[in-house]
Amino acid sequence: MPLRQVLIAPHTAIETVHFPEEGFVSITTDEPSGRVEIGLIGQEGLIGAAPILLDDDRSPHTHFVQMAGHMLSIDVAVLRAEVERRPALRRVLHRFIQVQFVQTAQTAFANARGNTATRLARWLLMCHDRADGDQITVTQDFMSFMLGVERPGVTAALRVLADGGFIRKYRGIVEIINRDGLLDLAGDSYGRAETEYARLIEGRFEPNI
């Protein structure tokens, strides 16, 4: 899946859904006033799960490749047939949809309560969760675009993170060097969806936040 490839266009019938094996995909809401990211999916999930498994055939949101990688794809009709035939598959995919809902709600919380540095720390943690290694290929313009803030605000937030020893910034690359520091800065804007994923999909523990 090449960088910036649109996998699902808004208000367009979905014919294929995708399981990323490497890289990750942004879900954005696109309005005349601009575009903002509302979700992020990597190898933990399925691109197009919510509309297809909730008896719709399209999404109002754009799903595009934010970090290039590889994916497996399956025809919508085949997936629906398998879900009907395999209750365990239906159960785990419905649980993933619930995790997506939680992630979107947590994004709304972060946008309402966090400053730009806090929101950027959360966003970098989410990218780091899905990246292969500590380096994330991203420009300041793209971070501004995803967070819905002006570029000077992103520049200032990156300086806060770099001065705190949490990241190193190169041209077109952010390297995570202190994840614990990012976690402290992000605070309760990060972790709810991740805990729910561990509980619902991995069955690892009950939520404690």
Foldseek 3Di string as FASTA:
>chain_A
DDAFAWQAAAPDFHFKKKQAPAAKKFKWAQDPVAIATQFIDHNLAMGPLVQLLVPHGGHRIIITTHTDDDIDMDTSVVVVVVCVVDVVVSQLSVLVVVLSVVSSVLLVVCLVPHAPLLNVLQVLVVNCVRHDAFKDQAALVVVCRHHVHDSVSSVVSVVVCVVVVQWDDDHRMIGGDNNVVSCVSNDPSDDPSVQSCCCRNVVPDDDDD
